[in-house]
Amino acid sequence: MARPERGPQEAIDRLFHALGDPTRRRIVEMLSERPHSVSALAAPFGVTVTAIAQHLRILEEAGLVRTEKLGRVRSCQIEQKGLASIQTWLGDRRSLWERRLSSLADILSEDPTIYKS
């Protein structure tokens, strides 16, 4: 399923929205282990295939999952690029905060008596 191009912030918003639901997070965990059919994904949740298909649509739109029809079975697998996008976004935030904390440590180490109460 082709997705329209969107900005980086909207893509991240979709990723976090998709992962904001515990059922979708569990689906991602299951697909991280190996590909599954839609019916195999539905079984542990005790919900309909239609309900899981709706969750899969959101995960697919976010770029986390890819589905394809193989004969009569719809197979699902994890999309590594979606996970890499999250890792990049988190890494950028981590880098920013590490620089800020390092700067704070430098300031505090200049003259520790200034900041003591």
C-alpha atoms as a PDB file:
ATOM      1  CA  MET A   1       0.000   0.000   0.000  1.00  0.00           C
ATOM      2  CA  ALA A   2       1.603   3.276  -1.108  1.00  0.00           C
ATOM      3  CA  ARG A   3       1.595   6.052   1.450  1.00  0.00           C
ATOM      4  CA  PRO A   4       1.549   9.721   0.487  1.00  0.00           C
ATOM      5  CA  GLU A   5       4.685  11.698   1.341  1.00  0.00           C
ATOM      6  CA  ARG A   6       4.461  13.570   4.619  1.00  0.00           C
ATOM      7  CA  GLY A   7       6.694  15.714   6.766  1.00  0.00           C
ATOM      8  CA  PRO A   8       9.022  14.236   9.358  1.00  0.00           C
ATOM      9  CA  GLN A   9       6.997  15.514  12.325  1.00  0.00           C
ATOM     10  CA  GLU A  10       3.760  14.021  10.996  1.00  0.00           C
ATOM     11  CA  ALA A  11       5.527  10.711  10.385  1.00  0.00           C
ATOM     12  CA  ILE A  12       6.801  10.630  13.985  1.00  0.00           C
ATOM     13  CA  ASP A  13       3.326  11.571  15.253  1.00  0.00           C
ATOM     14  CA  ARG A  14       1.864   8.613  13.332  1.00  0.00           C
ATOM     15  CA  LEU A  15       4.498   6.257  14.712  1.00  0.00           C
ATOM     16  CA  PHE A  16       3.838   7.245  18.313  1.00  0.00           C
ATOM     17  CA  HIS A  17       0.070   7.207  17.769  1.00  0.00           C
ATOM     18  CA  ALA A  18       0.344   3.685  16.377  1.00  0.00           C
ATOM     19  CA  LEU A  19       2.459   2.552  19.319  1.00  0.00           C
ATOM     20  CA  GLY A  20       0.209   4.306  21.825  1.00  0.00           C
ATOM     21  CA  ASP A  21      -2.199   1.371  21.825  1.00  0.00           C
ATOM     22  CA  PRO A  22      -1.227  -1.746  23.837  1.00  0.00           C
ATOM     23  CA  THR A  23      -2.743  -4.134  21.285  1.00  0.00           C
ATOM     24  CA  ARG A  24      -0.713  -2.575  18.478  1.00  0.00           C
ATOM     25  CA  ARG A  25       2.449  -2.682  20.595  1.00  0.00           C
ATOM     26  CA  ARG A  26       1.871  -6.397  21.211  1.00  0.00           C
ATOM     27  CA  ILE A  27       1.312  -6.953  17.469  1.00  0.00           C
ATOM     28  CA  VAL A  28       4.654  -5.234  16.770  1.00  0.00           C
ATOM     29  CA  GLU A  29       6.306  -7.455  19.392  1.00  0.00           C
ATOM     30  CA  MET A  30       4.823 -10.577  17.809  1.00  0.00           C
ATOM     31  CA  LEU A  31       5.887  -9.507  14.318  1.00  0.00           C
ATOM     32  CA  SER A  32       9.378  -8.686  15.583  1.00  0.00           C
ATOM     33  CA  GLU A  33       9.771 -12.379  16.376  1.00  0.00           C
ATOM     34  CA  ARG A  34       8.543 -13.616  12.966  1.00  0.00           C
ATOM     35  CA  PRO A  35       5.903 -12.946  10.288  1.00  0.00           C
ATOM     36  CA  HIS A  36       2.305 -13.949  11.118  1.00  0.00           C
ATOM     37  CA  SER A  37      -0.977 -14.263   9.284  1.00  0.00           C
ATOM     38  CA  VAL A  38      -3.765 -11.908  10.316  1.00  0.00           C
ATOM     39  CA  SER A  39      -5.722 -14.795  11.831  1.00  0.00           C
ATOM     40  CA  ALA A  40      -2.661 -15.926  13.834  1.00  0.00           C
ATOM     41  CA  LEU A  41      -2.333 -12.375  15.178  1.00  0.00           C
ATOM     42  CA  ALA A  42      -6.013 -12.305  16.162  1.00  0.00           C
ATOM     43  CA  ALA A  43      -5.956 -15.591  18.113  1.00  0.00           C
ATOM     44  CA  PRO A  44      -4.154 -14.467  21.316  1.00  0.00           C
ATOM     45  CA  PHE A  45      -6.337 -11.371  21.622  1.00  0.00           C
ATOM     46  CA  GLY A  46      -9.671 -13.147  21.300  1.00  0.00           C
ATOM     47  CA  VAL A  47     -10.871 -10.545  18.791  1.00  0.00           C
ATOM     48  CA  THR A  48     -12.039 -10.732  15.217  1.00  0.00           C
ATOM     49  CA  VAL A  49      -9.755 -10.726  12.217  1.00  0.00           C
ATOM     50  CA  THR A  50     -11.481  -7.472  11.220  1.00  0.00           C
ATOM     51  CA  ALA A  51     -10.438  -5.810  14.485  1.00  0.00           C
ATOM     52  CA  ILE A  52      -6.818  -6.901  13.991  1.00  0.00           C
ATOM     53  CA  ALA A  53      -6.955  -5.723  10.364  1.00  0.00           C
ATOM     54  CA  GLN A  54      -7.916  -2.250  11.612  1.00  0.00           C
ATOM     55  CA  HIS A  55      -4.933  -2.221  13.969  1.00  0.00           C
ATOM     56  CA  LEU A  56      -2.708  -3.437  11.132  1.00  0.00           C
ATOM     57  CA  ARG A  57      -3.938  -0.628   8.881  1.00  0.00           C
ATOM     58  CA  ILE A  58      -2.794   1.956  11.454  1.00  0.00           C
ATOM     59  CA  LEU A  59       0.553   0.192  11.900  1.00  0.00           C
ATOM     60  CA  GLU A  60       0.983  -0.020   8.136  1.00  0.00           C
ATOM     61  CA  GLU A  61       0.149   3.673   7.652  1.00  0.00           C
ATOM     62  CA  ALA A  62       2.765   4.487  10.299  1.00  0.00           C
ATOM     63  CA  GLY A  63       5.341   2.451   8.389  1.00  0.00           C
ATOM     64  CA  LEU A  64       5.828  -0.148  11.121  1.00  0.00           C
ATOM     65  CA  VAL A  65       4.246  -3.153   9.403  1.00  0.00           C
ATOM     66  CA  ARG A  66       3.970  -4.490   5.876  1.00  0.00           C
ATOM     67  CA  THR A  67       1.227  -6.864   4.756  1.00  0.00           C
ATOM     68  CA  GLU A  68       0.868  -8.876   1.591  1.00  0.00           C
ATOM     69  CA  LYS A  69      -1.588 -11.401   0.314  1.00  0.00           C
ATOM     70  CA  LEU A  70      -0.088 -14.817  -0.374  1.00  0.00           C
ATOM     71  CA  GLY A  71      -2.804 -16.934  -1.951  1.00  0.00           C
ATOM     72  CA  ARG A  72      -5.728 -16.857   0.477  1.00  0.00           C
ATOM     73  CA  VAL A  73      -3.649 -15.727   3.452  1.00  0.00           C
ATOM     74  CA  ARG A  74      -2.693 -12.155   4.344  1.00  0.00           C
ATOM     75  CA  SER A  75       0.812 -12.260   5.805  1.00  0.00           C
ATOM     76  CA  CYS A  76       2.230  -9.509   8.027  1.00  0.00           C
ATOM     77  CA  GLN A  77       5.798  -8.651   8.899  1.00  0.00           C
ATOM     78  CA  ILE A  78       7.675  -5.895  10.655  1.00  0.00           C
ATOM     79  CA  GLU A  79       8.949  -2.962   8.591  1.00  0.00           C
ATOM     80  CA  GLN A  80      12.478  -2.210   9.802  1.00  0.00           C
ATOM     81  CA  LYS A  81      12.484   1.333   8.370  1.00  0.00           C
ATOM     82  CA  GLY A  82       9.658   2.355  10.718  1.00  0.00           C
ATOM     83  CA  LEU A  83      11.560   1.127  13.751  1.00  0.00           C
ATOM     84  CA  ALA A  84      14.719   2.853  12.505  1.00  0.00           C
ATOM     85  CA  SER A  85      12.795   6.148  12.266  1.00  0.00           C
ATOM     86  CA  ILE A  86      11.836   5.907  15.928  1.00  0.00           C
ATOM     87  CA  GLN A  87      15.391   5.043  16.909  1.00  0.00           C
ATOM     88  CA  THR A  88      16.726   8.048  14.955  1.00  0.00           C
ATOM     89  CA  TRP A  89      14.189  10.405  16.523  1.00  0.00           C
ATOM     90  CA  LEU A  90      14.983   9.169  20.031  1.00  0.00           C
ATOM     91  CA  GLY A  91      18.714   9.325  19.337  1.00  0.00           C
ATOM     92  CA  ASP A  92      18.415  12.962  18.274  1.00  0.00           C
ATOM     93  CA  ARG A  93      16.609  13.820  21.524  1.00  0.00           C
ATOM     94  CA  ARG A  94      19.123  11.865  23.586  1.00  0.00           C
ATOM     95  CA  SER A  95      22.026  13.647  21.912  1.00  0.00           C
ATOM     96  CA  LEU A  96      20.455  17.047  22.605  1.00  0.00           C
ATOM     97  CA  TRP A  97      19.925  16.282  26.300  1.00  0.00           C
ATOM     98  CA  GLU A  98      23.375  14.771  26.716  1.00  0.00           C
ATOM     99  CA  ARG A  99      24.900  18.008  25.355  1.00  0.00           C
ATOM    100  CA  ARG A 100      22.725  20.093  27.678  1.00  0.00           C
ATOM    101  CA  LEU A 101      23.594  18.009  30.719  1.00  0.00           C
ATOM    102  CA  SER A 102      27.270  18.104  29.823  1.00  0.00           C
ATOM    103  CA  SER A 103      27.116  21.909  29.602  1.00  0.00           C
ATOM    104  CA  LEU A 104      25.390  22.043  32.981  1.00  0.00           C
ATOM    105  CA  ALA A 105      28.080  19.790  34.487  1.00  0.00           C
ATOM    106  CA  ASP A 106      30.771  22.085  33.074  1.00  0.00           C
ATOM    107  CA  ILE A 107      29.110  25.141  34.621  1.00  0.00           C
ATOM    108  CA  LEU A 108      28.673  23.465  37.988  1.00  0.00           C
ATOM    109  CA  SER A 109      32.263  22.234  38.052  1.00  0.00           C
ATOM    110  CA  GLU A 110      33.713  25.721  37.422  1.00  0.00           C
ATOM    111  CA  ASP A 111      33.032  26.890  40.985  1.00  0.00           C
ATOM    112  CA  PRO A 112      30.992  24.477  43.052  1.00  0.00           C
ATOM    113  CA  THR A 113      30.667  26.939  45.960  1.00  0.00           C
ATOM    114  CA  ILE A 114      28.533  29.332  43.902  1.00  0.00           C
ATOM    115  CA  TYR A 115      25.613  26.895  43.662  1.00  0.00           C
ATOM    116  CA  LYS A 116      25.617  25.517  47.205  1.00  0.00           C
ATOM    117  CA  SER A 117      22.869  26.632  49.531  1.00  0.00           C
END
